[in-house]
PDB file of all heavy atoms in Angstrom:
ATOM      1  N   ALA A   1       0.823  -1.215   0.000  1.00  0.00           N
ATOM      2  CA  ALA A   1       0.000   0.000   0.000  1.00  0.00           C
ATOM      3  C   ALA A   1       0.854   1.261   0.000  1.00  0.00           C
ATOM      4  O   ALA A   1       0.516   2.248  -0.669  1.00  0.00           O
ATOM      5  CB  ALA A   1      -0.947  -0.003   1.204  1.00  0.00           C
ATOM      6  N   VAL A   2       1.977   1.238   0.707  1.00  0.00           N
ATOM      7  CA  VAL A   2       2.869   2.404   0.769  1.00  0.00           C
ATOM      8  C   VAL A   2       3.490   2.660  -0.605  1.00  0.00           C
ATOM      9  O   VAL A   2       3.507   3.790  -1.099  1.00  0.00           O
ATOM     10  CB  VAL A   2       3.966   2.177   1.837  1.00  0.00           C
ATOM     11  CG1 VAL A   2       5.033   3.259   1.781  1.00  0.00           C
ATOM     12  CG2 VAL A   2       3.338   2.087   3.227  1.00  0.00           C
ATOM     13  N   VAL A   3       3.997   1.606  -1.227  1.00  0.00           N
ATOM     14  CA  VAL A   3       4.635   1.726  -2.538  1.00  0.00           C
ATOM     15  C   VAL A   3       3.613   2.133  -3.595  1.00  0.00           C
ATOM     16  O   VAL A   3       3.846   3.059  -4.384  1.00  0.00           O
ATOM     17  CB  VAL A   3       5.331   0.400  -2.926  1.00  0.00           C
ATOM     18  CG1 VAL A   3       5.832   0.448  -4.361  1.00  0.00           C
ATOM     19  CG2 VAL A   3       6.460   0.086  -1.959  1.00  0.00           C
ATOM     20  N   VAL A   4       2.475   1.467  -3.604  1.00  0.00           N
ATOM     21  CA  VAL A   4       1.453   1.738  -4.626  1.00  0.00           C
ATOM     22  C   VAL A   4       0.939   3.163  -4.512  1.00  0.00           C
ATOM     23  O   VAL A   4       0.761   3.846  -5.526  1.00  0.00           O
ATOM     24  CB  VAL A   4       0.313   0.700  -4.539  1.00  0.00           C
ATOM     25  CG1 VAL A   4      -0.874   1.109  -5.381  1.00  0.00           C
ATOM     26  CG2 VAL A   4       0.824  -0.675  -4.968  1.00  0.00           C
ATOM     27  N   GLU A   5       0.725   3.649  -3.305  1.00  0.00           N
ATOM     28  CA  GLU A   5       0.237   5.031  -3.144  1.00  0.00           C
ATOM     29  C   GLU A   5       1.266   6.036  -3.662  1.00  0.00           C
ATOM     30  O   GLU A   5       0.913   7.016  -4.311  1.00  0.00           O
ATOM     31  CB  GLU A   5      -0.117   5.320  -1.689  1.00  0.00           C
ATOM     32  CG  GLU A   5      -0.690   6.701  -1.482  1.00  0.00           C
ATOM     33  CD  GLU A   5      -1.883   7.057  -2.375  1.00  0.00           C
ATOM     34  OE1 GLU A   5      -2.739   6.185  -2.623  1.00  0.00           O
ATOM     35  OE2 GLU A   5      -1.955   8.213  -2.849  1.00  0.00           O
ATOM     36  N   ALA A   6       2.551   5.792  -3.413  1.00  0.00           N
ATOM     37  CA  ALA A   6       3.592   6.697  -3.921  1.00  0.00           C
ATOM     38  C   ALA A   6       3.627   6.674  -5.450  1.00  0.00           C
ATOM     39  O   ALA A   6       3.815   7.715  -6.090  1.00  0.00           O
ATOM     40  CB  ALA A   6       4.953   6.304  -3.348  1.00  0.00           C
ATOM     41  N   ILE A   7       3.429   5.508  -6.039  1.00  0.00           N
ATOM     42  CA  ILE A   7       3.417   5.411  -7.503  1.00  0.00           C
ATOM     43  C   ILE A   7       2.172   6.092  -8.058  1.00  0.00           C
ATOM     44  O   ILE A   7       2.250   6.803  -9.069  1.00  0.00           O
ATOM     45  CB  ILE A   7       3.546   3.948  -7.948  1.00  0.00           C
ATOM     46  CG1 ILE A   7       4.960   3.443  -7.604  1.00  0.00           C
ATOM     47  CG2 ILE A   7       3.269   3.801  -9.444  1.00  0.00           C
ATOM     48  CD1 ILE A   7       5.162   1.970  -7.770  1.00  0.00           C
ATOM     49  N   CYS A   8       1.033   5.910  -7.419  1.00  0.00           N
ATOM     50  CA  CYS A   8      -0.192   6.616  -7.849  1.00  0.00           C
ATOM     51  C   CYS A   8       0.039   8.123  -7.833  1.00  0.00           C
ATOM     52  O   CYS A   8      -0.319   8.833  -8.779  1.00  0.00           O
ATOM     53  CB  CYS A   8      -1.370   6.275  -6.944  1.00  0.00           C
ATOM     54  SG  CYS A   8      -2.078   4.644  -7.212  1.00  0.00           S
ATOM     55  N   ASP A   9       0.652   8.616  -6.754  1.00  0.00           N
ATOM     56  CA  ASP A   9       0.942  10.046  -6.647  1.00  0.00           C
ATOM     57  C   ASP A   9       1.856  10.491  -7.788  1.00  0.00           C
ATOM     58  O   ASP A   9       1.630  11.531  -8.411  1.00  0.00           O
ATOM     59  CB  ASP A   9       1.586  10.341  -5.299  1.00  0.00           C
ATOM     60  CG  ASP A   9       1.926  11.807  -5.133  1.00  0.00           C
ATOM     61  OD1 ASP A   9       0.983  12.614  -5.003  1.00  0.00           O
ATOM     62  OD2 ASP A   9       3.137  12.146  -5.159  1.00  0.00           O
ATOM     63  N   ALA A  10       2.876   9.697  -8.081  1.00  0.00           N
ATOM     64  CA  ALA A  10       3.810  10.042  -9.160  1.00  0.00           C
ATOM     65  C   ALA A  10       3.113  10.067 -10.515  1.00  0.00           C
ATOM     66  O   ALA A  10       3.360  10.953 -11.337  1.00  0.00           O
ATOM     67  CB  ALA A  10       4.975   9.053  -9.176  1.00  0.00           C
ATOM     68  N   VAL A  11       2.238   9.104 -10.760  1.00  0.00           N
ATOM     69  CA  VAL A  11       1.503   9.056 -12.026  1.00  0.00           C
ATOM     70  C   VAL A  11       0.592  10.277 -12.144  1.00  0.00           C
ATOM     71  O   VAL A  11       0.517  10.902 -13.204  1.00  0.00           O
ATOM     72  CB  VAL A  11       0.706   7.737 -12.154  1.00  0.00           C
ATOM     73  CG1 VAL A  11      -0.294   7.796 -13.289  1.00  0.00           C
ATOM     74  CG2 VAL A  11       1.666   6.569 -12.347  1.00  0.00           C
ATOM     75  N   ARG A  12      -0.085  10.617 -11.055  1.00  0.00           N
ATOM     76  CA  ARG A  12      -0.961  11.807 -11.078  1.00  0.00           C
ATOM     77  C   ARG A  12      -0.159  13.064 -11.388  1.00  0.00           C
ATOM     78  O   ARG A  12      -0.570  13.892 -12.199  1.00  0.00           O
ATOM     79  CB  ARG A  12      -1.663  11.976  -9.735  1.00  0.00           C
ATOM     80  CG  ARG A  12      -2.798  11.029  -9.517  1.00  0.00           C
ATOM     81  CD  ARG A  12      -3.510  11.348  -8.194  1.00  0.00           C
ATOM     82  NE  ARG A  12      -3.924  10.110  -7.594  1.00  0.00           N
ATOM     83  CZ  ARG A  12      -3.486   9.603  -6.460  1.00  0.00           C
ATOM     84  NH1 ARG A  12      -2.624  10.266  -5.720  1.00  0.00           N
ATOM     85  NH2 ARG A  12      -3.926   8.453  -6.019  1.00  0.00           N
ATOM     86  N   ARG A  13       0.971  13.209 -10.731  1.00  0.00           N
ATOM     87  CA  ARG A  13       1.806  14.404 -10.966  1.00  0.00           C
ATOM     88  C   ARG A  13       2.321  14.443 -12.404  1.00  0.00           C
ATOM     89  O   ARG A  13       2.363  15.498 -13.008  1.00  0.00           O
ATOM     90  CB  ARG A  13       2.981  14.420 -10.001  1.00  0.00           C
ATOM     91  CG  ARG A  13       2.586  14.718  -8.588  1.00  0.00           C
ATOM     92  CD  ARG A  13       3.791  14.665  -7.689  1.00  0.00           C
ATOM     93  NE  ARG A  13       3.407  14.742  -6.307  1.00  0.00           N
ATOM     94  CZ  ARG A  13       3.959  15.574  -5.437  1.00  0.00           C
ATOM     95  NH1 ARG A  13       4.923  16.393  -5.814  1.00  0.00           N
ATOM     96  NH2 ARG A  13       3.566  15.582  -4.191  1.00  0.00           N
ATOM     97  N   ARG A  14       2.714  13.278 -12.897  1.00  0.00           N
ATOM     98  CA  ARG A  14       3.262  13.215 -14.262  1.00  0.00           C
ATOM     99  C   ARG A  14       2.210  13.587 -15.299  1.00  0.00           C
ATOM    100  O   ARG A  14       2.481  14.286 -16.258  1.00  0.00           O
ATOM    101  CB  ARG A  14       3.795  11.824 -14.546  1.00  0.00           C
ATOM    102  CG  ARG A  14       4.357  11.682 -15.938  1.00  0.00           C
ATOM    103  CD  ARG A  14       4.923  10.305 -16.128  1.00  0.00           C
ATOM    104  NE  ARG A  14       5.366  10.134 -17.486  1.00  0.00           N
ATOM    105  CZ  ARG A  14       5.173   9.046 -18.192  1.00  0.00           C
ATOM    106  NH1 ARG A  14       4.560   8.006 -17.665  1.00  0.00           N
ATOM    107  NH2 ARG A  14       5.597   8.955 -19.424  1.00  0.00           N
ATOM    108  N   SER A  15       1.010  13.083 -15.104  1.00  0.00           N
ATOM    109  CA  SER A  15      -0.033  13.337 -16.096  1.00  0.00           C
ATOM    110  C   SER A  15      -0.730  14.665 -15.867  1.00  0.00           C
ATOM    111  O   SER A  15      -1.601  15.044 -16.650  1.00  0.00           O
ATOM    112  CB  SER A  15      -1.040  12.185 -16.112  1.00  0.00           C
ATOM    113  OG  SER A  15      -1.659  12.073 -14.858  1.00  0.00           O
ATOM    114  N   GLY A  16      -0.365  15.353 -14.787  1.00  0.00           N
ATOM    115  CA  GLY A  16      -0.950  16.668 -14.538  1.00  0.00           C
ATOM    116  C   GLY A  16      -2.402  16.608 -14.125  1.00  0.00           C
ATOM    117  O   GLY A  16      -3.096  17.631 -14.142  1.00  0.00           O
ATOM    118  N   GLU A  17      -2.866  15.420 -13.763  1.00  0.00           N
ATOM    119  CA  GLU A  17      -4.245  15.295 -13.332  1.00  0.00           C
ATOM    120  C   GLU A  17      -4.396  15.970 -11.975  1.00  0.00           C
ATOM    121  O   GLU A  17      -3.611  15.745 -11.064  1.00  0.00           O
ATOM    122  CB  GLU A  17      -4.650  13.831 -13.177  1.00  0.00           C
ATOM    123  CG  GLU A  17      -4.632  13.061 -14.435  1.00  0.00           C
ATOM    124  CD  GLU A  17      -4.845  11.576 -14.188  1.00  0.00           C
ATOM    125  OE1 GLU A  17      -5.190  11.199 -13.067  1.00  0.00           O
ATOM    126  OE2 GLU A  17      -4.639  10.817 -15.138  1.00  0.00           O
ATOM    127  N   GLN A  18      -5.381  16.802 -11.884  1.00  0.00           N
ATOM    128  CA  GLN A  18      -5.732  17.386 -10.610  1.00  0.00           C
ATOM    129  C   GLN A  18      -7.186  17.051 -10.375  1.00  0.00           C
ATOM    130  O   GLN A  18      -8.037  17.344 -11.213  1.00  0.00           O
ATOM    131  CB  GLN A  18      -5.545  18.896 -10.608  1.00  0.00           C
ATOM    132  CG  GLN A  18      -4.096  19.310 -10.684  1.00  0.00           C
ATOM    133  CD  GLN A  18      -3.963  20.806 -10.578  1.00  0.00           C
ATOM    134  OE1 GLN A  18      -4.932  21.534 -10.615  1.00  0.00           O
ATOM    135  NE2 GLN A  18      -2.741  21.261 -10.443  1.00  0.00           N
ATOM    136  N   VAL A  19      -7.434  16.443  -9.270  1.00  0.00           N
ATOM    137  CA  VAL A  19      -8.811  16.110  -8.953  1.00  0.00           C
ATOM    138  C   VAL A  19      -9.427  17.335  -8.318  1.00  0.00           C
ATOM    139  O   VAL A  19      -9.128  17.682  -7.179  1.00  0.00           O
ATOM    140  CB  VAL A  19      -8.880  14.897  -7.994  1.00  0.00           C
ATOM    141  CG1 VAL A  19     -10.310  14.563  -7.659  1.00  0.00           C
ATOM    142  CG2 VAL A  19      -8.162  13.710  -8.602  1.00  0.00           C
ATOM    143  N   LEU A  20     -10.220  18.016  -9.083  1.00  0.00           N
ATOM    144  CA  LEU A  20     -10.872  19.228  -8.599  1.00  0.00           C
ATOM    145  C   LEU A  20     -12.304  18.905  -8.193  1.00  0.00           C
ATOM    146  O   LEU A  20     -12.995  18.156  -8.876  1.00  0.00           O
ATOM    147  CB  LEU A  20     -10.878  20.298  -9.697  1.00  0.00           C
ATOM    148  CG  LEU A  20      -9.502  20.737 -10.192  1.00  0.00           C
ATOM    149  CD1 LEU A  20      -9.644  21.697 -11.354  1.00  0.00           C
ATOM    150  CD2 LEU A  20      -8.717  21.378  -9.072  1.00  0.00           C
ATOM    151  N   PRO A  21     -12.758  19.478  -7.085  1.00  0.00           N
ATOM    152  CA  PRO A  21     -14.132  19.217  -6.677  1.00  0.00           C
ATOM    153  C   PRO A  21     -15.102  19.830  -7.673  1.00  0.00           C
ATOM    154  O   PRO A  21     -14.821  20.869  -8.268  1.00  0.00           O
ATOM    155  CB  PRO A  21     -14.224  19.911  -5.314  1.00  0.00           C
ATOM    156  CG  PRO A  21     -13.126  20.916  -5.296  1.00  0.00           C
ATOM    157  CD  PRO A  21     -12.049  20.395  -6.211  1.00  0.00           C
ATOM    158  N   ASP A  22     -16.235  19.150  -7.862  1.00  0.00           N
ATOM    159  CA  ASP A  22     -17.213  19.735  -8.762  1.00  0.00           C
ATOM    160  C   ASP A  22     -18.002  20.825  -8.032  1.00  0.00           C
ATOM    161  O   ASP A  22     -17.882  21.020  -6.823  1.00  0.00           O
ATOM    162  CB  ASP A  22     -18.114  18.671  -9.380  1.00  0.00           C
ATOM    163  CG  ASP A  22     -19.062  18.012  -8.388  1.00  0.00           C
ATOM    164  OD1 ASP A  22     -19.384  18.600  -7.336  1.00  0.00           O
ATOM    165  OD2 ASP A  22     -19.489  16.900  -8.682  1.00  0.00           O
ATOM    166  N   GLU A  23     -18.823  21.555  -8.745  1.00  0.00           N
ATOM    167  CA  GLU A  23     -19.538  22.706  -8.207  1.00  0.00           C
ATOM    168  C   GLU A  23     -20.415  22.335  -7.013  1.00  0.00           C
ATOM    169  O   GLU A  23     -20.483  23.060  -6.028  1.00  0.00           O
ATOM    170  CB  GLU A  23     -20.396  23.315  -9.327  1.00  0.00           C
ATOM    171  CG  GLU A  23     -21.099  24.584  -8.931  1.00  0.00           C
ATOM    172  CD  GLU A  23     -21.900  25.148 -10.085  1.00  0.00           C
ATOM    173  OE1 GLU A  23     -21.684  24.733 -11.237  1.00  0.00           O
ATOM    174  OE2 GLU A  23     -22.746  25.995  -9.811  1.00  0.00           O
ATOM    175  N   HIS A  24     -21.075  21.177  -7.048  1.00  0.00           N
ATOM    176  CA  HIS A  24     -21.940  20.751  -5.951  1.00  0.00           C
ATOM    177  C   HIS A  24     -21.134  20.517  -4.676  1.00  0.00           C
ATOM    178  O   HIS A  24     -21.573  20.874  -3.589  1.00  0.00           O
ATOM    179  CB  HIS A  24     -22.708  19.475  -6.330  1.00  0.00           C
ATOM    180  CG  HIS A  24     -23.633  19.660  -7.482  1.00  0.00           C
ATOM    181  ND1 HIS A  24     -24.761  20.446  -7.403  1.00  0.00           N
ATOM    182  CD2 HIS A  24     -23.591  19.179  -8.740  1.00  0.00           C
ATOM    183  CE1 HIS A  24     -25.379  20.426  -8.567  1.00  0.00           C
ATOM    184  NE2 HIS A  24     -24.675  19.661  -9.401  1.00  0.00           N
ATOM    185  N   GLU A  25     -19.949  19.918  -4.808  1.00  0.00           N
ATOM    186  CA  GLU A  25     -19.119  19.658  -3.642  1.00  0.00           C
ATOM    187  C   GLU A  25     -18.632  20.960  -3.021  1.00  0.00           C
ATOM    188  O   GLU A  25     -18.595  21.094  -1.802  1.00  0.00           O
ATOM    189  CB  GLU A  25     -17.925  18.780  -4.019  1.00  0.00           C
ATOM    190  CG  GLU A  25     -18.313  17.356  -4.327  1.00  0.00           C
ATOM    191  CD  GLU A  25     -17.153  16.532  -4.841  1.00  0.00           C
ATOM    192  OE1 GLU A  25     -16.240  17.092  -5.466  1.00  0.00           O
ATOM    193  OE2 GLU A  25     -17.188  15.320  -4.617  1.00  0.00           O
ATOM    194  N   VAL A  26     -18.278  21.939  -3.855  1.00  0.00           N
ATOM    195  CA  VAL A  26     -17.818  23.228  -3.344  1.00  0.00           C
ATOM    196  C   VAL A  26     -18.939  23.914  -2.572  1.00  0.00           C
ATOM    197  O   VAL A  26     -18.736  24.406  -1.461  1.00  0.00           O
ATOM    198  CB  VAL A  26     -17.300  24.132  -4.490  1.00  0.00           C
ATOM    199  CG1 VAL A  26     -17.038  25.542  -3.991  1.00  0.00           C
ATOM    200  CG2 VAL A  26     -16.053  23.518  -5.113  1.00  0.00           C
ATOM    201  N   ARG A  27     -20.159  23.941  -3.130  1.00  0.00           N
ATOM    202  CA  ARG A  27     -21.294  24.564  -2.439  1.00  0.00           C
ATOM    203  C   ARG A  27     -21.595  23.858  -1.123  1.00  0.00           C
ATOM    204  O   ARG A  27     -21.847  24.491  -0.116  1.00  0.00           O
ATOM    205  CB  ARG A  27     -22.533  24.539  -3.334  1.00  0.00           C
ATOM    206  CG  ARG A  27     -22.509  25.615  -4.371  1.00  0.00           C
ATOM    207  CD  ARG A  27     -23.880  25.750  -5.008  1.00  0.00           C
ATOM    208  NE  ARG A  27     -23.681  26.165  -6.372  1.00  0.00           N
ATOM    209  CZ  ARG A  27     -24.381  25.762  -7.397  1.00  0.00           C
ATOM    210  NH1 ARG A  27     -25.354  24.906  -7.247  1.00  0.00           N
ATOM    211  NH2 ARG A  27     -24.119  26.202  -8.598  1.00  0.00           N
ATOM    212  N   ALA A  28     -21.587  22.538  -1.144  1.00  0.00           N
ATOM    213  CA  ALA A  28     -21.875  21.773   0.072  1.00  0.00           C
ATOM    214  C   ALA A  28     -20.819  22.039   1.140  1.00  0.00           C
ATOM    215  O   ALA A  28     -21.135  22.184   2.313  1.00  0.00           O
ATOM    216  CB  ALA A  28     -21.945  20.290  -0.250  1.00  0.00           C
ATOM    217  N   GLU A  29     -19.563  22.120   0.715  1.00  0.00           N
ATOM    218  CA  GLU A  29     -18.475  22.401   1.643  1.00  0.00           C
ATOM    219  C   GLU A  29     -18.682  23.751   2.306  1.00  0.00           C
ATOM    220  O   GLU A  29     -18.541  23.904   3.508  1.00  0.00           O
ATOM    221  CB  GLU A  29     -17.147  22.382   0.872  1.00  0.00           C
ATOM    222  CG  GLU A  29     -15.942  22.488   1.742  1.00  0.00           C
ATOM    223  CD  GLU A  29     -15.319  21.137   1.983  1.00  0.00           C
ATOM    224  OE1 GLU A  29     -15.750  20.140   1.416  1.00  0.00           O
ATOM    225  OE2 GLU A  29     -14.385  21.112   2.766  1.00  0.00           O
ATOM    226  N   ARG A  30     -19.036  24.747   1.519  1.00  0.00           N
ATOM    227  CA  ARG A  30     -19.262  26.096   2.058  1.00  0.00           C
ATOM    228  C   ARG A  30     -20.443  26.125   3.013  1.00  0.00           C
ATOM    229  O   ARG A  30     -20.457  26.897   3.956  1.00  0.00           O
ATOM    230  CB  ARG A  30     -19.488  27.079   0.913  1.00  0.00           C
ATOM    231  CG  ARG A  30     -18.228  27.372   0.139  1.00  0.00           C
ATOM    232  CD  ARG A  30     -18.476  28.412  -0.922  1.00  0.00           C
ATOM    233  NE  ARG A  30     -17.326  28.522  -1.794  1.00  0.00           N
ATOM    234  CZ  ARG A  30     -17.389  28.766  -3.079  1.00  0.00           C
ATOM    235  NH1 ARG A  30     -18.543  28.929  -3.683  1.00  0.00           N
ATOM    236  NH2 ARG A  30     -16.300  28.861  -3.793  1.00  0.00           N
ATOM    237  N   SER A  31     -21.456  25.310   2.752  1.00  0.00           N
ATOM    238  CA  SER A  31     -22.654  25.322   3.594  1.00  0.00           C
ATOM    239  C   SER A  31     -22.487  24.476   4.848  1.00  0.00           C
ATOM    240  O   SER A  31     -23.348  24.485   5.717  1.00  0.00           O
ATOM    241  CB  SER A  31     -23.865  24.815   2.799  1.00  0.00           C
ATOM    242  OG  SER A  31     -23.740  23.427   2.573  1.00  0.00           O
ATOM    243  N   GLY A  32     -21.386  23.721   4.931  1.00  0.00           N
ATOM    244  CA  GLY A  32     -21.159  22.878   6.093  1.00  0.00           C
ATOM    245  C   GLY A  32     -21.910  21.561   6.052  1.00  0.00           C
ATOM    246  O   GLY A  32     -22.011  20.858   7.041  1.00  0.00           O
ATOM    247  N   MET A  33     -22.454  21.193   4.898  1.00  0.00           N
ATOM    248  CA  MET A  33     -23.205  19.948   4.753  1.00  0.00           C
ATOM    249  C   MET A  33     -22.245  18.766   4.855  1.00  0.00           C
ATOM    250  O   MET A  33     -21.167  18.787   4.271  1.00  0.00           O
ATOM    251  CB  MET A  33     -23.903  19.928   3.386  1.00  0.00           C
ATOM    252  CG  MET A  33     -24.858  18.772   3.189  1.00  0.00           C
ATOM    253  SD  MET A  33     -25.603  18.772   1.529  1.00  0.00           S
ATOM    254  CE  MET A  33     -26.302  20.392   1.433  1.00  0.00           C
ATOM    255  N   PRO A  34     -22.605  17.715   5.616  1.00  0.00           N
ATOM    256  CA  PRO A  34     -21.740  16.530   5.710  1.00  0.00           C
ATOM    257  C   PRO A  34     -21.467  15.919   4.341  1.00  0.00           C
ATOM    258  O   PRO A  34     -22.319  15.965   3.458  1.00  0.00           O
ATOM    259  CB  PRO A  34     -22.549  15.560   6.580  1.00  0.00           C
ATOM    260  CG  PRO A  34     -23.575  16.393   7.273  1.00  0.00           C
ATOM    261  CD  PRO A  34     -23.820  17.592   6.384  1.00  0.00           C
ATOM    262  N   GLY A  35     -20.267  15.331   4.209  1.00  0.00           N
ATOM    263  CA  GLY A  35     -19.843  14.755   2.935  1.00  0.00           C
ATOM    264  C   GLY A  35     -20.810  13.759   2.340  1.00  0.00           C
ATOM    265  O   GLY A  35     -21.002  13.711   1.138  1.00  0.00           O
ATOM    266  N   ALA A  36     -21.452  12.942   3.154  1.00  0.00           N
ATOM    267  CA  ALA A  36     -22.370  11.922   2.634  1.00  0.00           C
ATOM    268  C   ALA A  36     -23.600  12.526   1.993  1.00  0.00           C
ATOM    269  O   ALA A  36     -24.271  11.879   1.191  1.00  0.00           O
ATOM    270  CB  ALA A  36     -22.789  10.982   3.771  1.00  0.00           C
ATOM    271  N   LEU A  37     -23.900  13.765   2.343  1.00  0.00           N
ATOM    272  CA  LEU A  37     -25.109  14.410   1.807  1.00  0.00           C
ATOM    273  C   LEU A  37     -24.812  15.367   0.672  1.00  0.00           C
ATOM    274  O   LEU A  37     -25.686  16.079   0.213  1.00  0.00           O
ATOM    275  CB  LEU A  37     -25.814  15.175   2.925  1.00  0.00           C
ATOM    276  CG  LEU A  37     -26.230  14.337   4.131  1.00  0.00           C
ATOM    277  CD1 LEU A  37     -26.818  15.242   5.199  1.00  0.00           C
ATOM    278  CD2 LEU A  37     -27.243  13.279   3.721  1.00  0.00           C
TER     279      LEU A  37
END
């Protein structure tokens, strides 16, 4: 798990993928709504 997570991180950085929250997640975060909702 330690090795695989480091490789996943390296692949993400290499490909420039950034996991950005979508608009609904940003609004929910601002409103204090729990993640499950």
